[in-house]
Amino acid sequence: MQTTETIDAARRRLAEKARAEGVKLYVDRRDQRHYAASTTRPGDLYYVTLLSCSCRGFIAHQRCKHHAALLSAYGQIGPDPGSPGCANCGGHDAPHADTRSRWVGGSRDGYADTATIHRCTSCHLRERAVVDRIAA
């Protein structure tokens, strides 16, 4: 049975694959063209635009990790609609999941229940700065 994958889901998956495999993007300062280094053929560079890539994968399938890496670098890949949003701002930018105890009245120690709180990177860093400032 063949499953179908939406373009957005494929781009998110390929952007994650590019990040995991260490795809590097380069910009030619003379003409501002973007190039991606091949992870399977060291020394090869692929010409990448926001619309295409010169690698064999893109030519065959109209999608590849190099193209997804460039789209991700320019913020053109949206968040996964199924991922939890930030508890503070509702954003989906790299959520951090923290499991914390919360006060539940009536129990002997008071902290009987735990909750998972999702926060985006900016809210996480902002909260850390406040905690560091209070602790100092």
C-alpha atoms as a PDB file:
ATOM      1  CA  MET A   1       0.000   0.000   0.000  1.00  0.00           C
ATOM      2  CA  GLN A   2       1.433   3.366  -0.993  1.00  0.00           C
ATOM      3  CA  THR A   3       0.894   6.341   1.277  1.00  0.00           C
ATOM      4  CA  THR A   4       0.718   9.860  -0.039  1.00  0.00           C
ATOM      5  CA  GLU A   5       2.630  12.651   1.604  1.00  0.00           C
ATOM      6  CA  THR A   6       1.717  16.294   1.250  1.00  0.00           C
ATOM      7  CA  ILE A   7       4.296  18.723  -0.136  1.00  0.00           C
ATOM      8  CA  ASP A   8       4.498  20.517   3.223  1.00  0.00           C
ATOM      9  CA  ALA A   9       5.018  17.261   5.121  1.00  0.00           C
ATOM     10  CA  ALA A  10       7.705  16.179   2.631  1.00  0.00           C
ATOM     11  CA  ARG A  11       9.491  19.517   2.979  1.00  0.00           C
ATOM     12  CA  ARG A  12       9.432  19.285   6.786  1.00  0.00           C
ATOM     13  CA  ARG A  13      10.742  15.700   6.645  1.00  0.00           C
ATOM     14  CA  LEU A  14      13.487  16.588   4.154  1.00  0.00           C
ATOM     15  CA  ALA A  15      14.493  19.712   6.099  1.00  0.00           C
ATOM     16  CA  GLU A  16      14.911  17.556   9.199  1.00  0.00           C
ATOM     17  CA  LYS A  17      16.917  15.025   7.163  1.00  0.00           C
ATOM     18  CA  ALA A  18      19.146  17.842   5.863  1.00  0.00           C
ATOM     19  CA  ARG A  19      19.712  19.079   9.417  1.00  0.00           C
ATOM     20  CA  ALA A  20      20.480  15.568  10.696  1.00  0.00           C
ATOM     21  CA  GLU A  21      22.901  14.836   7.839  1.00  0.00           C
ATOM     22  CA  GLY A  22      24.612  18.234   8.076  1.00  0.00           C
ATOM     23  CA  VAL A  23      23.763  19.706   4.669  1.00  0.00           C
ATOM     24  CA  LYS A  24      25.710  22.948   4.372  1.00  0.00           C
ATOM     25  CA  LEU A  25      24.494  25.927   2.355  1.00  0.00           C
ATOM     26  CA  TYR A  26      26.846  28.414   0.701  1.00  0.00           C
ATOM     27  CA  VAL A  27      26.278  31.787  -0.989  1.00  0.00           C
ATOM     28  CA  ASP A  28      28.468  32.962  -3.868  1.00  0.00           C
ATOM     29  CA  ARG A  29      29.250  36.583  -2.939  1.00  0.00           C
ATOM     30  CA  ARG A  30      29.694  37.596  -6.575  1.00  0.00           C
ATOM     31  CA  ASP A  31      26.193  36.753  -7.803  1.00  0.00           C
ATOM     32  CA  GLN A  32      24.340  35.801  -4.558  1.00  0.00           C
ATOM     33  CA  ARG A  33      23.575  32.284  -5.840  1.00  0.00           C
ATOM     34  CA  HIS A  34      23.028  29.528  -3.285  1.00  0.00           C
ATOM     35  CA  TYR A  35      24.791  26.179  -3.341  1.00  0.00           C
ATOM     36  CA  ALA A  36      24.397  23.092  -1.156  1.00  0.00           C
ATOM     37  CA  ALA A  37      27.180  20.626  -0.439  1.00  0.00           C
ATOM     38  CA  SER A  38      26.480  17.005  -1.301  1.00  0.00           C
ATOM     39  CA  THR A  39      26.571  14.643   1.666  1.00  0.00           C
ATOM     40  CA  THR A  40      26.896  11.535  -0.511  1.00  0.00           C
ATOM     41  CA  ARG A  41      29.483  12.848  -2.994  1.00  0.00           C
ATOM     42  CA  PRO A  42      32.036  14.972  -1.101  1.00  0.00           C
ATOM     43  CA  GLY A  43      33.255  17.952  -3.081  1.00  0.00           C
ATOM     44  CA  ASP A  44      30.105  18.278  -5.191  1.00  0.00           C
ATOM     45  CA  LEU A  45      27.973  21.411  -4.947  1.00  0.00           C
ATOM     46  CA  TYR A  46      24.393  21.706  -6.145  1.00  0.00           C
ATOM     47  CA  TYR A  47      22.896  24.959  -7.377  1.00  0.00           C
ATOM     48  CA  VAL A  48      19.809  25.627  -5.244  1.00  0.00           C
ATOM     49  CA  THR A  49      17.085  28.248  -5.601  1.00  0.00           C
ATOM     50  CA  LEU A  50      13.803  28.706  -3.751  1.00  0.00           C
ATOM     51  CA  LEU A  51      12.185  26.854  -6.670  1.00  0.00           C
ATOM     52  CA  SER A  52      14.631  24.076  -7.557  1.00  0.00           C
ATOM     53  CA  CYS A  53      17.877  22.189  -7.039  1.00  0.00           C
ATOM     54  CA  SER A  54      20.330  20.741  -9.566  1.00  0.00           C
ATOM     55  CA  CYS A  55      20.711  17.381  -7.750  1.00  0.00           C
ATOM     56  CA  ARG A  56      19.407  14.119  -9.213  1.00  0.00           C
ATOM     57  CA  GLY A  57      16.872  13.712  -6.403  1.00  0.00           C
ATOM     58  CA  PHE A  58      15.139  16.981  -7.207  1.00  0.00           C
ATOM     59  CA  ILE A  59      15.219  16.290 -10.931  1.00  0.00           C
ATOM     60  CA  ALA A  60      13.554  12.897 -10.390  1.00  0.00           C
ATOM     61  CA  HIS A  61      11.104  13.740  -7.564  1.00  0.00           C
ATOM     62  CA  GLN A  62      10.749  17.552  -7.564  1.00  0.00           C
ATOM     63  CA  ARG A  63      11.953  17.612  -3.943  1.00  0.00           C
ATOM     64  CA  CYS A  64      15.228  17.038  -2.094  1.00  0.00           C
ATOM     65  CA  LYS A  65      16.963  17.764   1.198  1.00  0.00           C
ATOM     66  CA  HIS A  66      19.103  20.557  -0.328  1.00  0.00           C
ATOM     67  CA  HIS A  67      16.032  22.468  -1.504  1.00  0.00           C
ATOM     68  CA  ALA A  68      14.273  21.863   1.826  1.00  0.00           C
ATOM     69  CA  ALA A  69      17.350  23.134   3.705  1.00  0.00           C
ATOM     70  CA  LEU A  70      17.287  26.393   1.726  1.00  0.00           C
ATOM     71  CA  LEU A  71      13.536  26.796   2.245  1.00  0.00           C
ATOM     72  CA  SER A  72      14.023  26.199   5.960  1.00  0.00           C
ATOM     73  CA  ALA A  73      16.866  28.726   6.114  1.00  0.00           C
ATOM     74  CA  TYR A  74      14.560  31.349   4.590  1.00  0.00           C
ATOM     75  CA  GLY A  75      11.631  30.449   6.874  1.00  0.00           C
ATOM     76  CA  GLN A  76       9.527  29.077   4.011  1.00  0.00           C
ATOM     77  CA  ILE A  77       8.589  25.809   5.717  1.00  0.00           C
ATOM     78  CA  GLY A  78       5.618  26.064   8.029  1.00  0.00           C
ATOM     79  CA  PRO A  79       5.247  24.250  11.334  1.00  0.00           C
ATOM     80  CA  ASP A  80       3.696  20.817  11.595  1.00  0.00           C
ATOM     81  CA  PRO A  81      -0.006  21.465  12.242  1.00  0.00           C
ATOM     82  CA  GLY A  82      -0.081  18.488  14.611  1.00  0.00           C
ATOM     83  CA  SER A  83       2.758  19.758  16.805  1.00  0.00           C
ATOM     84  CA  PRO A  84       1.864  21.431  20.093  1.00  0.00           C
ATOM     85  CA  GLY A  85       2.112  25.198  20.233  1.00  0.00           C
ATOM     86  CA  CYS A  86       3.969  27.323  22.760  1.00  0.00           C
ATOM     87  CA  ALA A  87       2.102  27.647  26.071  1.00  0.00           C
ATOM     88  CA  ASN A  88       3.082  31.328  26.285  1.00  0.00           C
ATOM     89  CA  CYS A  89       2.672  32.711  22.754  1.00  0.00           C
ATOM     90  CA  GLY A  90       1.054  29.899  20.742  1.00  0.00           C
ATOM     91  CA  GLY A  91       3.955  29.778  18.248  1.00  0.00           C
ATOM     92  CA  HIS A  92       5.424  26.605  16.775  1.00  0.00           C
ATOM     93  CA  ASP A  93       9.084  27.691  16.602  1.00  0.00           C
ATOM     94  CA  ALA A  94      11.098  24.703  17.922  1.00  0.00           C
ATOM     95  CA  PRO A  95       8.962  23.880  20.962  1.00  0.00           C
ATOM     96  CA  HIS A  96      10.654  22.737  24.157  1.00  0.00           C
ATOM     97  CA  ALA A  97       8.707  20.220  26.214  1.00  0.00           C
ATOM     98  CA  ASP A  98       9.178  20.523  29.971  1.00  0.00           C
ATOM     99  CA  THR A  99       7.496  18.240  32.464  1.00  0.00           C
ATOM    100  CA  ARG A 100       6.749  20.141  35.632  1.00  0.00           C
ATOM    101  CA  SER A 101       4.888  19.449  38.800  1.00  0.00           C
ATOM    102  CA  ARG A 102       1.949  21.662  39.525  1.00  0.00           C
ATOM    103  CA  TRP A 103       0.069  22.340  42.704  1.00  0.00           C
ATOM    104  CA  VAL A 104      -2.884  20.048  43.282  1.00  0.00           C
ATOM    105  CA  GLY A 105      -4.696  20.741  46.506  1.00  0.00           C
ATOM    106  CA  GLY A 106      -5.716  17.972  48.881  1.00  0.00           C
ATOM    107  CA  SER A 107      -2.672  15.772  48.473  1.00  0.00           C
ATOM    108  CA  ARG A 108      -0.151  15.300  51.210  1.00  0.00           C
ATOM    109  CA  ASP A 109       2.773  16.937  49.413  1.00  0.00           C
ATOM    110  CA  GLY A 110       0.673  19.231  47.211  1.00  0.00           C
ATOM    111  CA  TYR A 111       2.661  18.486  44.035  1.00  0.00           C
ATOM    112  CA  ALA A 112       0.984  15.261  42.994  1.00  0.00           C
ATOM    113  CA  ASP A 113       0.206  16.011  39.355  1.00  0.00           C
ATOM    114  CA  THR A 114       2.631  16.716  36.521  1.00  0.00           C
ATOM    115  CA  ALA A 115       2.006  18.624  33.306  1.00  0.00           C
ATOM    116  CA  THR A 116       3.978  18.911  30.100  1.00  0.00           C
ATOM    117  CA  ILE A 117       4.478  22.529  29.055  1.00  0.00           C
ATOM    118  CA  HIS A 118       5.501  23.364  25.500  1.00  0.00           C
ATOM    119  CA  ARG A 119       7.371  26.628  24.942  1.00  0.00           C
ATOM    120  CA  CYS A 120       9.036  28.085  21.851  1.00  0.00           C
ATOM    121  CA  THR A 121      12.738  28.940  21.800  1.00  0.00           C
ATOM    122  CA  SER A 122      12.265  32.666  22.425  1.00  0.00           C
ATOM    123  CA  CYS A 123       9.910  32.109  25.393  1.00  0.00           C
ATOM    124  CA  HIS A 124      12.239  29.409  26.775  1.00  0.00           C
ATOM    125  CA  LEU A 125      15.265  31.732  26.587  1.00  0.00           C
ATOM    126  CA  ARG A 126      13.283  34.664  28.016  1.00  0.00           C
ATOM    127  CA  GLU A 127      12.184  32.528  30.966  1.00  0.00           C
ATOM    128  CA  ARG A 128      15.752  31.262  31.514  1.00  0.00           C
ATOM    129  CA  ALA A 129      17.010  34.867  31.605  1.00  0.00           C
ATOM    130  CA  VAL A 130      14.453  35.734  34.264  1.00  0.00           C
ATOM    131  CA  VAL A 131      15.376  32.651  36.311  1.00  0.00           C
ATOM    132  CA  ASP A 132      19.108  33.421  35.974  1.00  0.00           C
ATOM    133  CA  ARG A 133      18.532  37.034  36.984  1.00  0.00           C
ATOM    134  CA  ILE A 134      16.511  36.039  40.059  1.00  0.00           C
ATOM    135  CA  ALA A 135      19.050  33.394  41.076  1.00  0.00           C
ATOM    136  CA  ALA A 136      21.963  35.834  40.819  1.00  0.00           C
END
